[in-house]
Amino acid sequence: MDLGLQGRVATITGGSHGVGYAIAEALLAEGCRVAICARDKARLDAAARSLEQAGPQARRPDNTVAAQRATDGIFAHPADVAKPGQVEDFIKLAASHFGGLDILVHNAGGGGGAGLESPDAEFSQAIELNVMAGLRAARVAVPFMRRHDHGRIIFIASVYGRESGGRAGYNMAKAAEISLAKALSRDLAKDKILVNSVAPGSLMFPGSSWEHRQQADPEGIEAFTKSDLPLGRFGKPEEVAAVVAFLASDRASLVTGACWTVDGGQSRSLM
């Protein structure tokens, strides 16, 4: 299936590893030009080199070689998106580098106070990273999208933004992120800009929190897998990235204001 993404410009926050990297890889394979940011410059540079090496050899899920992308297909810029001004600079620089912007994926996230006794700063940091950074990125990205009456904004939230589980601050921030995406979808529909969120379940990949937990308590993770993951396994970043690529595409032309759960049946919410 041709997703109609050839030549589109996509910006991805938190794109140096895990889900963000997989999204960059998937969009590159569909012919996009991709900009990524992350706090760790060394890891960001390594990710950019890896994506450049994959380049036109990146393959779609159907195992066909993707169409040749532009020679300037990767742009990387270090940014701590929780600090005001940095994500805005990233978006502006990426749009200047590629001459426009079509897709924004706010993937950077995490953090959150553990509960009632956690300091305010932990809750505030979760809101800054997950919600405010996405809002600030959208403010800068939308004017570029309006120039072409076309755009896609996708927030990477979590199943724990839809139901209880995890840290209190993380839940709060992810729920707010899903709500923000819904509100923006209504505001931006007149501009032909579609806004959605994606709620991944538990994912396993090198360096992930679940990998660390598995190494620390393999028996506990095995029990969790049996009790909480109906498919009997953790998800993979590539499985989330495939959904994001669809939502970024022309094939999703009637999809806006939705939260797509990608969790293998892990969540128990009806909505």
Protein backbone atom coordinates (compact mmCIF):
# COMPACT_ATOMS: atom_id res chain seq x y z
CA MET A 1 0.00 0.00 0.00
CA ASP A 2 1.33 3.41 -0.98
CA LEU A 3 0.88 5.69 2.03
CA GLY A 4 1.49 8.82 -0.02
CA LEU A 5 4.34 10.01 2.19
CA GLN A 6 7.04 10.44 -0.45
CA GLY A 7 8.80 13.77 0.07
CA ARG A 8 6.90 14.74 3.22
CA VAL A 9 8.87 16.37 6.04
CA ALA A 10 8.47 14.83 9.50
CA THR A 11 9.81 16.07 12.84
CA ILE A 12 10.10 13.63 15.74
CA THR A 13 10.93 14.55 19.32
CA GLY A 14 12.84 11.95 21.29
CA GLY A 15 13.98 10.28 18.10
CA SER A 16 17.33 8.81 19.08
CA HIS A 17 16.19 5.39 20.31
CA GLY A 18 13.21 3.19 21.08
CA VAL A 19 9.83 4.23 19.68
CA GLY A 20 11.07 7.56 18.32
CA TYR A 21 13.86 5.91 16.35
CA ALA A 22 11.49 3.25 15.01
CA ILE A 23 9.09 5.98 13.86
CA ALA A 24 11.92 7.79 12.09
CA GLU A 25 12.95 4.56 10.41
CA ALA A 26 9.38 3.77 9.31
CA LEU A 27 8.80 7.24 7.87
CA LEU A 28 12.13 7.19 6.06
CA ALA A 29 11.18 3.86 4.52
CA GLU A 30 8.03 5.51 3.17
CA GLY A 31 10.04 8.29 1.54
CA CYS A 32 9.81 11.03 4.16
CA ARG A 33 12.56 13.44 5.05
CA VAL A 34 12.99 13.22 8.80
CA ALA A 35 14.23 15.49 11.58
CA ILE A 36 14.93 14.06 15.04
CA CYS A 37 15.92 15.62 18.34
CA ALA A 38 17.05 14.26 21.71
CA ARG A 39 18.90 15.47 24.80
CA ASP A 40 21.91 13.16 24.46
CA LYS A 41 23.94 14.52 21.54
CA ALA A 42 26.20 11.47 21.27
CA ARG A 43 23.26 9.09 21.04
CA LEU A 44 21.45 11.48 18.69
CA ASP A 45 24.44 11.62 16.34
CA ALA A 46 24.73 7.83 16.40
CA ALA A 47 21.03 7.49 15.57
CA ALA A 48 21.35 9.95 12.68
CA ARG A 49 24.30 7.99 11.27
CA SER A 50 22.40 4.74 11.58
CA LEU A 51 19.37 6.19 9.81
CA GLU A 52 21.57 7.64 7.07
CA GLN A 53 23.16 4.24 6.52
CA ALA A 54 19.75 2.60 6.25
CA GLY A 55 18.64 5.35 3.88
CA PRO A 56 17.09 4.06 0.66
CA GLN A 57 17.79 0.49 1.75
CA ALA A 58 15.24 0.79 4.56
CA ARG A 59 12.43 -1.62 3.85
CA ARG A 60 8.70 -1.39 4.24
CA PRO A 61 6.81 -4.14 6.12
CA ASP A 62 6.06 -5.86 2.80
CA ASN A 63 9.85 -6.21 2.33
CA THR A 64 10.02 -4.08 -0.81
CA VAL A 65 12.78 -1.50 -1.07
CA ALA A 66 11.50 1.99 -0.29
CA ALA A 67 11.67 4.70 -2.90
CA GLN A 68 14.83 6.80 -2.98
CA ARG A 69 14.51 9.70 -0.56
CA ALA A 70 16.17 13.09 -0.86
CA THR A 71 19.90 13.26 -0.19
CA ASP A 72 19.25 15.56 2.78
CA GLY A 73 16.80 13.08 4.26
CA ILE A 74 18.03 13.28 7.87
CA PHE A 75 18.34 16.30 10.14
CA ALA A 76 19.34 15.94 13.80
CA HIS A 77 19.46 18.64 16.46
CA PRO A 78 20.08 18.26 20.21
CA ALA A 79 17.24 19.59 22.34
CA ASP A 80 15.82 19.13 25.81
CA VAL A 81 12.16 19.58 24.95
CA ALA A 82 11.17 20.07 28.60
CA LYS A 83 13.02 23.41 28.55
CA PRO A 84 11.05 26.24 26.91
CA GLY A 85 12.59 27.43 23.67
CA GLN A 86 14.49 24.29 22.76
CA VAL A 87 11.74 22.33 21.01
CA GLU A 88 10.67 25.51 19.21
CA ASP A 89 14.20 25.99 17.91
CA PHE A 90 14.31 22.38 16.75
CA ILE A 91 11.08 22.71 14.76
CA LYS A 92 12.15 25.99 13.17
CA LEU A 93 15.59 24.67 12.21
CA ALA A 94 14.14 21.48 10.74
CA ALA A 95 11.57 23.40 8.68
CA SER A 96 14.29 25.74 7.45
CA HIS A 97 16.57 22.85 6.56
CA PHE A 98 13.91 21.02 4.53
CA GLY A 99 11.95 24.04 3.31
CA GLY A 100 8.73 23.14 5.10
CA LEU A 101 7.06 20.78 7.52
CA ASP A 102 4.20 18.31 7.12
CA ILE A 103 4.26 15.94 10.12
CA LEU A 104 4.95 16.44 13.82
CA VAL A 105 5.34 13.43 16.10
CA HIS A 106 5.73 14.33 19.77
CA ASN A 107 7.29 11.18 21.14
CA ALA A 108 9.48 12.51 23.97
CA GLY A 109 7.94 11.66 27.33
CA GLY A 110 8.25 9.89 30.65
CA GLY A 111 8.81 10.95 34.23
CA GLY A 112 6.15 11.72 36.78
CA GLY A 113 5.76 11.80 40.55
CA ALA A 114 5.17 8.42 42.14
CA GLY A 115 2.37 9.55 44.43
CA LEU A 116 1.01 11.96 47.03
CA GLU A 117 4.30 12.48 48.83
CA SER A 118 6.33 13.15 45.68
CA PRO A 119 7.58 16.74 45.30
CA ASP A 120 5.72 19.16 43.05
CA ALA A 121 8.76 19.40 40.79
CA GLU A 122 8.37 15.78 39.65
CA PHE A 123 4.77 16.36 38.59
CA SER A 124 5.67 19.65 36.91
CA GLN A 125 8.50 17.99 34.99
CA ALA A 126 6.11 15.32 33.68
CA ILE A 127 3.71 17.99 32.43
CA GLU A 128 6.53 19.97 30.81
CA LEU A 129 7.97 16.94 29.02
CA ASN A 130 4.79 15.20 27.90
CA VAL A 131 2.28 18.01 27.46
CA MET A 132 3.80 21.48 27.27
CA ALA A 133 6.61 20.39 24.95
CA GLY A 134 4.03 18.95 22.56
CA LEU A 135 1.94 22.10 22.72
CA ARG A 136 4.95 24.34 22.07
CA ALA A 137 6.06 22.16 19.16
CA ALA A 138 2.57 22.32 17.65
CA ARG A 139 2.48 26.12 17.94
CA VAL A 140 5.58 26.36 15.78
CA ALA A 141 4.69 23.54 13.38
CA VAL A 142 1.12 24.57 12.55
CA PRO A 143 1.96 27.76 10.57
CA PHE A 144 4.15 25.69 8.24
CA MET A 145 1.34 23.16 7.77
CA ARG A 146 -1.23 25.87 7.09
CA ARG A 147 0.75 27.04 4.08
CA HIS A 148 -0.24 23.83 2.29
CA ASP A 149 -3.65 23.17 3.90
CA HIS A 150 -2.25 19.85 5.06
CA GLY A 151 -0.65 18.49 8.19
CA ARG A 152 -0.45 15.65 10.68
CA ILE A 153 0.25 15.94 14.42
CA ILE A 154 0.63 12.75 16.45
CA PHE A 155 1.19 12.53 20.20
CA ILE A 156 2.73 9.34 21.60
CA ALA A 157 0.83 8.86 24.85
CA SER A 158 0.31 5.60 26.77
CA VAL A 159 -2.38 3.14 27.79
CA TYR A 160 -1.78 4.61 31.25
CA GLY A 161 -3.18 7.87 30.01
CA ARG A 162 -6.44 5.99 29.38
CA GLU A 163 -6.68 3.95 32.58
CA SER A 164 -4.94 3.51 35.93
CA GLY A 165 -1.46 2.08 36.22
CA GLY A 166 2.09 3.33 36.52
CA ARG A 167 3.19 6.45 38.38
CA ALA A 168 0.58 9.05 39.31
CA GLY A 169 2.40 11.93 37.59
CA TYR A 170 2.96 9.90 34.44
CA ASN A 171 -0.75 8.95 34.32
CA MET A 172 -1.75 12.56 34.81
CA ALA A 173 0.55 13.84 32.07
CA LYS A 174 -0.38 11.16 29.54
CA ALA A 175 -4.09 11.70 30.13
CA ALA A 176 -3.56 15.42 29.58
CA GLU A 177 -1.61 14.66 26.39
CA ILE A 178 -4.49 12.63 24.98
CA SER A 179 -6.90 15.41 25.94
CA LEU A 180 -4.69 18.02 24.28
CA ALA A 181 -4.62 16.03 21.05
CA LYS A 182 -8.41 15.82 21.05
CA ALA A 183 -8.78 19.57 21.65
CA LEU A 184 -6.27 20.46 18.93
CA SER A 185 -8.02 18.15 16.47
CA ARG A 186 -11.16 20.27 16.78
CA ASP A 187 -9.29 23.56 16.52
CA LEU A 188 -7.21 22.58 13.50
CA ALA A 189 -9.74 20.65 11.41
CA LYS A 190 -10.56 23.79 9.42
CA ASP A 191 -6.90 23.93 8.37
CA LYS A 192 -6.92 20.31 7.13
CA ILE A 193 -4.50 19.42 9.94
CA LEU A 194 -5.33 16.05 11.52
CA VAL A 195 -4.35 15.46 15.15
CA ASN A 196 -4.34 12.07 16.87
CA SER A 197 -2.68 10.30 19.76
CA VAL A 198 -1.28 6.79 20.04
CA ALA A 199 -1.36 4.84 23.31
CA PRO A 200 1.28 2.10 23.36
CA GLY A 201 1.22 -0.65 25.93
CA SER A 202 4.31 -2.23 27.50
CA LEU A 203 7.21 -2.34 25.03
CA MET A 204 10.49 -4.22 25.21
CA PHE A 205 13.61 -2.92 23.48
CA PRO A 206 17.30 -2.42 24.35
CA GLY A 207 17.64 0.14 27.13
CA SER A 208 13.92 0.23 27.92
CA SER A 209 12.61 0.28 31.48
CA TRP A 210 11.02 -3.10 30.88
CA GLU A 211 14.35 -4.58 29.83
CA HIS A 212 15.91 -3.32 33.06
CA ARG A 213 13.06 -4.83 35.06
CA GLN A 214 13.39 -8.12 33.24
CA GLN A 215 17.09 -8.27 34.03
CA ALA A 216 16.42 -7.45 37.68
CA ASP A 217 13.44 -9.78 38.15
CA PRO A 218 13.00 -12.30 35.30
CA GLU A 219 10.48 -14.39 37.23
CA GLY A 220 8.36 -11.36 38.05
CA ILE A 221 8.34 -10.23 34.41
CA GLU A 222 7.41 -13.73 33.27
CA ALA A 223 4.45 -13.67 35.66
CA PHE A 224 3.46 -10.20 34.45
CA THR A 225 3.59 -11.37 30.84
CA LYS A 226 1.28 -14.28 31.59
CA SER A 227 -1.21 -12.25 33.63
CA ASP A 228 -1.29 -8.88 31.80
CA LEU A 229 -0.25 -9.42 28.18
CA PRO A 230 -2.88 -11.49 26.32
CA LEU A 231 -0.61 -12.09 23.33
CA GLY A 232 2.01 -13.53 25.68
CA ARG A 233 4.69 -11.02 24.77
CA PHE A 234 5.74 -7.39 25.00
CA GLY A 235 5.22 -5.06 22.09
CA LYS A 236 8.00 -3.79 19.84
CA PRO A 237 8.70 -0.17 18.85
CA GLU A 238 8.27 -1.10 15.19
CA GLU A 239 4.67 -2.12 15.84
CA VAL A 240 3.89 1.34 17.22
CA ALA A 241 5.79 2.98 14.37
CA ALA A 242 3.65 1.20 11.78
CA VAL A 243 0.50 2.75 13.25
CA VAL A 244 2.13 6.18 13.38
CA ALA A 245 3.12 5.90 9.71
CA PHE A 246 -0.49 5.16 8.80
CA LEU A 247 -1.81 8.10 10.83
CA ALA A 248 0.76 10.37 9.18
CA SER A 249 -0.37 9.27 5.74
CA ASP A 250 -3.01 10.21 3.20
CA ARG A 251 -4.68 6.87 3.92
CA ALA A 252 -5.81 8.25 7.30
CA SER A 253 -7.63 11.20 5.75
CA LEU A 254 -10.76 10.82 7.91
CA VAL A 255 -8.97 10.06 11.18
CA THR A 256 -8.64 12.94 13.64
CA GLY A 257 -9.26 13.36 17.36
CA ALA A 258 -8.75 9.65 17.97
CA CYS A 259 -6.55 7.81 20.43
CA TRP A 260 -5.19 4.60 18.90
CA THR A 261 -4.36 1.89 21.42
CA VAL A 262 -1.42 -0.31 20.38
CA ASP A 263 -1.02 -2.76 23.24
CA GLY A 264 -1.83 -6.30 22.19
CA GLY A 265 -4.96 -6.30 24.34
CA GLN A 266 -3.13 -5.27 27.51
CA SER A 267 -5.47 -2.42 28.50
CA ARG A 268 -8.89 -3.04 29.98
CA SER A 269 -10.60 0.22 29.04
CA LEU A 270 -13.66 -0.04 26.79
CA MET A 271 -12.86 3.23 24.99
